Structure formats: C-alpha cells, structure tokens
C-alpha cells in the first residue's frame, strides 16, 4: 500500500520524499500516474508545483530549480 496524501479533498499517492536542511519535498501523483506533481511542505503550508514544473506561488528561484532538479534526477533513476 502506497502512502497517501490528501490535498483539497483529493487523494494522491506519494512517490518519494526528499528532505534537506530547510525543506521537505513530497513528490506525488494522482491515481492514474499520468501527472507527476510536487508538493513542498514548509511550516505546514502547501505550495504546489503543477505537472509542467511551473511554480504557482513560489518566488524563490533557487528553491524552485532545486526541487525540479531533485525530481528530474530521481525520475531518471526510475527510468533506468
């Protein structure tokens, strides 16, 4: 059974998490596994990156790039 996270009443499957010194990144997908998304949990608030990896409400460019880089590296590893 995969771990599940609920956002706005919709359930998502957690693919993997990544924690660094400052943030916990939770990468998740819907139940079709067609859209990959990332949830960044900071101080209990949710900041969602959509399936095109465009940040909706995050202005810290470096943090955005880091999150995308983590996602891409892990996905590369999964495709091997």
N, C-alpha and C. Protein backbone atom coordinates (compact mmCIF):
# COMPACT_ATOMS: atom_id res chain seq x y z
N UNK A 1 0.85 -1.19 0.00
CA UNK A 1 0.00 0.00 0.00
C UNK A 1 0.89 1.25 0.00
N UNK A 2 0.70 2.09 -0.98
CA UNK A 2 1.49 3.32 -1.04
C UNK A 2 0.95 4.33 -0.04
N UNK A 3 1.85 5.21 0.40
CA UNK A 3 1.42 6.29 1.28
C UNK A 3 0.55 7.26 0.49
N UNK A 4 -0.45 7.80 1.16
CA UNK A 4 -1.40 8.70 0.50
C UNK A 4 -1.39 10.04 1.22
N UNK A 5 -1.50 11.11 0.44
CA UNK A 5 -1.63 12.45 0.99
C UNK A 5 -2.92 13.04 0.44
N UNK A 6 -3.62 13.79 1.27
CA UNK A 6 -4.88 14.39 0.82
C UNK A 6 -4.72 15.90 0.72
N UNK A 7 -5.07 16.46 -0.44
CA UNK A 7 -4.98 17.89 -0.67
C UNK A 7 -6.31 18.35 -1.23
N UNK A 8 -6.93 19.30 -0.57
CA UNK A 8 -8.22 19.84 -1.01
C UNK A 8 -9.23 18.73 -1.29
N UNK A 9 -9.25 17.73 -0.43
CA UNK A 9 -10.23 16.65 -0.55
C UNK A 9 -9.92 15.59 -1.59
N UNK A 10 -8.80 15.73 -2.31
CA UNK A 10 -8.42 14.75 -3.32
C UNK A 10 -7.21 13.97 -2.83
N UNK A 11 -7.23 12.66 -3.04
CA UNK A 11 -6.13 11.81 -2.56
C UNK A 11 -5.08 11.61 -3.64
N UNK A 12 -3.81 11.65 -3.22
CA UNK A 12 -2.69 11.44 -4.12
C UNK A 12 -1.76 10.39 -3.52
N UNK A 13 -1.06 9.66 -4.39
CA UNK A 13 -0.07 8.69 -3.95
C UNK A 13 1.29 9.37 -3.86
N UNK A 14 1.98 9.15 -2.76
CA UNK A 14 3.32 9.72 -2.60
C UNK A 14 4.32 8.84 -3.33
N UNK A 15 5.08 9.44 -4.24
CA UNK A 15 6.11 8.71 -4.97
C UNK A 15 7.38 8.59 -4.14
N UNK A 16 7.84 9.73 -3.63
CA UNK A 16 9.01 9.73 -2.77
C UNK A 16 9.10 11.07 -2.07
N UNK A 17 9.90 11.12 -1.02
CA UNK A 17 10.13 12.38 -0.31
C UNK A 17 11.62 12.66 -0.30
N UNK A 18 11.94 13.92 -0.15
CA UNK A 18 13.34 14.34 -0.07
C UNK A 18 13.42 15.43 0.98
N UNK A 19 14.35 15.30 1.89
CA UNK A 19 14.49 16.29 2.95
C UNK A 19 15.90 16.87 2.91
N UNK A 20 16.00 18.19 2.90
CA UNK A 20 17.32 18.81 3.06
C UNK A 20 17.30 19.61 4.35
N UNK A 21 18.26 20.50 4.51
CA UNK A 21 18.38 21.23 5.78
C UNK A 21 17.18 22.13 6.05
N UNK A 22 16.54 22.60 5.00
CA UNK A 22 15.50 23.61 5.17
C UNK A 22 14.09 23.14 4.84
N UNK A 23 13.96 22.20 3.90
CA UNK A 23 12.63 21.87 3.38
C UNK A 23 12.41 20.38 3.30
N UNK A 24 11.14 20.00 3.30
CA UNK A 24 10.75 18.63 3.00
C UNK A 24 9.96 18.68 1.70
N UNK A 25 10.44 17.96 0.70
CA UNK A 25 9.78 17.92 -0.60
C UNK A 25 9.01 16.61 -0.68
N UNK A 26 7.74 16.68 -1.03
CA UNK A 26 6.94 15.48 -1.21
C UNK A 26 6.50 15.44 -2.67
N UNK A 27 6.96 14.44 -3.40
CA UNK A 27 6.60 14.28 -4.80
C UNK A 27 5.45 13.27 -4.86
N UNK A 28 4.39 13.62 -5.56
CA UNK A 28 3.21 12.77 -5.53
C UNK A 28 2.54 12.74 -6.90
N UNK A 29 1.62 11.81 -7.08
CA UNK A 29 0.90 11.67 -8.33
C UNK A 29 -0.56 11.35 -8.03
N UNK A 30 -1.42 11.55 -9.02
CA UNK A 30 -2.81 11.13 -8.83
C UNK A 30 -2.91 9.64 -9.12
N UNK A 31 -4.10 9.08 -9.04
CA UNK A 31 -4.21 7.63 -9.15
C UNK A 31 -4.06 7.10 -10.56
N UNK A 32 -3.91 7.98 -11.56
CA UNK A 32 -3.67 7.49 -12.91
C UNK A 32 -2.18 7.37 -13.20
N UNK A 33 -1.37 7.96 -12.38
CA UNK A 33 0.08 8.00 -12.57
C UNK A 33 0.48 8.73 -13.85
N UNK A 34 -0.44 9.49 -14.43
CA UNK A 34 -0.12 10.24 -15.64
C UNK A 34 0.44 11.62 -15.34
N UNK A 35 0.02 12.20 -14.21
CA UNK A 35 0.55 13.51 -13.89
C UNK A 35 1.44 13.39 -12.67
N UNK A 36 2.66 13.83 -12.80
CA UNK A 36 3.56 13.88 -11.66
C UNK A 36 3.56 15.31 -11.14
N UNK A 37 3.45 15.44 -9.85
CA UNK A 37 3.42 16.77 -9.25
C UNK A 37 4.33 16.77 -8.04
N UNK A 38 4.62 17.94 -7.55
CA UNK A 38 5.43 18.03 -6.36
C UNK A 38 4.78 18.94 -5.35
N UNK A 39 4.80 18.49 -4.12
CA UNK A 39 4.25 19.28 -3.03
C UNK A 39 5.40 19.65 -2.12
N UNK A 40 5.54 20.91 -1.83
CA UNK A 40 6.61 21.38 -0.96
C UNK A 40 5.97 21.79 0.36
N UNK A 41 6.35 21.12 1.44
CA UNK A 41 5.72 21.38 2.73
C UNK A 41 6.66 22.25 3.55
N UNK A 42 6.23 23.47 3.83
CA UNK A 42 7.03 24.39 4.61
C UNK A 42 6.16 25.00 5.69
N UNK A 43 6.53 24.80 6.94
CA UNK A 43 5.79 25.37 8.07
C UNK A 43 4.29 25.05 7.97
N UNK A 44 3.97 23.86 7.49
CA UNK A 44 2.59 23.42 7.43
C UNK A 44 1.78 23.99 6.28
N UNK A 45 2.42 24.73 5.37
CA UNK A 45 1.67 25.25 4.23
C UNK A 45 2.02 24.47 2.98
N UNK A 46 1.06 24.34 2.09
CA UNK A 46 1.28 23.60 0.85
C UNK A 46 1.52 24.57 -0.30
N UNK A 47 2.59 24.34 -1.02
CA UNK A 47 2.87 25.13 -2.21
C UNK A 47 3.00 24.14 -3.36
N UNK A 48 2.12 24.22 -4.32
CA UNK A 48 2.02 23.18 -5.34
C UNK A 48 2.76 23.59 -6.60
N UNK A 49 3.53 22.65 -7.14
CA UNK A 49 4.15 22.83 -8.45
C UNK A 49 3.34 21.97 -9.41
N UNK A 50 2.88 22.53 -10.50
CA UNK A 50 2.00 21.77 -11.38
C UNK A 50 2.77 20.79 -12.25
N UNK A 51 2.07 20.07 -13.10
CA UNK A 51 2.69 18.98 -13.84
C UNK A 51 3.65 19.45 -14.93
N UNK A 52 3.72 20.74 -15.18
CA UNK A 52 4.75 21.28 -16.08
C UNK A 52 5.93 21.84 -15.30
N UNK A 53 5.96 21.56 -14.03
CA UNK A 53 7.01 22.02 -13.12
C UNK A 53 7.06 23.54 -13.02
N UNK A 54 5.96 24.19 -13.30
CA UNK A 54 5.90 25.64 -13.15
C UNK A 54 5.44 25.95 -11.73
N UNK A 55 6.17 26.82 -11.07
CA UNK A 55 5.82 27.13 -9.69
C UNK A 55 4.69 28.14 -9.67
N UNK A 56 3.64 27.84 -8.92
CA UNK A 56 2.49 28.73 -8.89
C UNK A 56 2.68 29.88 -7.92
N UNK A 57 3.15 29.58 -6.72
CA UNK A 57 3.23 30.64 -5.72
C UNK A 57 4.55 30.63 -4.98
N UNK A 58 5.59 30.21 -5.65
CA UNK A 58 6.91 30.20 -5.02
C UNK A 58 7.78 31.20 -5.78
N UNK A 59 8.34 32.14 -5.06
CA UNK A 59 9.13 33.17 -5.73
C UNK A 59 10.63 32.92 -5.61
N UNK A 60 11.04 32.00 -4.74
CA UNK A 60 12.46 31.74 -4.57
C UNK A 60 12.95 30.87 -5.72
N UNK A 61 13.58 31.52 -6.70
CA UNK A 61 14.01 30.84 -7.93
C UNK A 61 14.94 29.66 -7.64
N UNK A 62 15.86 29.86 -6.71
CA UNK A 62 16.82 28.80 -6.41
C UNK A 62 16.12 27.56 -5.86
N UNK A 63 15.17 27.79 -4.98
CA UNK A 63 14.46 26.65 -4.38
C UNK A 63 13.65 25.91 -5.43
N UNK A 64 13.05 26.67 -6.34
CA UNK A 64 12.29 26.05 -7.43
C UNK A 64 13.21 25.17 -8.28
N UNK A 65 14.35 25.73 -8.67
CA UNK A 65 15.28 24.97 -9.51
C UNK A 65 15.77 23.72 -8.80
N UNK A 66 16.01 23.84 -7.50
CA UNK A 66 16.49 22.69 -6.74
C UNK A 66 15.44 21.59 -6.71
N UNK A 67 14.19 21.97 -6.49
CA UNK A 67 13.11 20.98 -6.44
C UNK A 67 12.97 20.26 -7.78
N UNK A 68 13.03 21.01 -8.86
CA UNK A 68 12.92 20.41 -10.19
C UNK A 68 14.11 19.49 -10.44
N UNK A 69 15.30 19.91 -10.02
CA UNK A 69 16.49 19.08 -10.22
C UNK A 69 16.38 17.77 -9.45
N UNK A 70 15.89 17.83 -8.22
CA UNK A 70 15.70 16.61 -7.43
C UNK A 70 14.73 15.68 -8.16
N UNK A 71 13.62 16.23 -8.61
CA UNK A 71 12.60 15.45 -9.30
C UNK A 71 13.18 14.77 -10.54
N UNK A 72 13.88 15.54 -11.34
CA UNK A 72 14.41 15.01 -12.60
C UNK A 72 15.45 13.92 -12.36
N UNK A 73 16.31 14.11 -11.36
CA UNK A 73 17.33 13.10 -11.05
C UNK A 73 16.69 11.79 -10.61
N UNK A 74 15.70 11.89 -9.74
CA UNK A 74 15.05 10.67 -9.27
C UNK A 74 14.30 9.98 -10.40
N UNK A 75 13.60 10.76 -11.23
CA UNK A 75 12.86 10.16 -12.34
C UNK A 75 13.80 9.50 -13.34
N UNK A 76 14.98 10.10 -13.56
CA UNK A 76 15.98 9.48 -14.44
C UNK A 76 16.37 8.12 -13.90
N UNK A 77 16.58 8.07 -12.59
CA UNK A 77 16.96 6.81 -11.95
C UNK A 77 15.87 5.76 -12.07
N UNK A 78 14.61 6.18 -11.99
CA UNK A 78 13.50 5.23 -12.07
C UNK A 78 13.33 4.67 -13.48
N UNK A 79 13.73 5.45 -14.49
CA UNK A 79 13.55 5.01 -15.88
C UNK A 79 14.61 4.01 -16.32
N UNK A 80 15.72 3.93 -15.57
CA UNK A 80 16.81 3.03 -15.97
C UNK A 80 16.41 1.58 -15.81
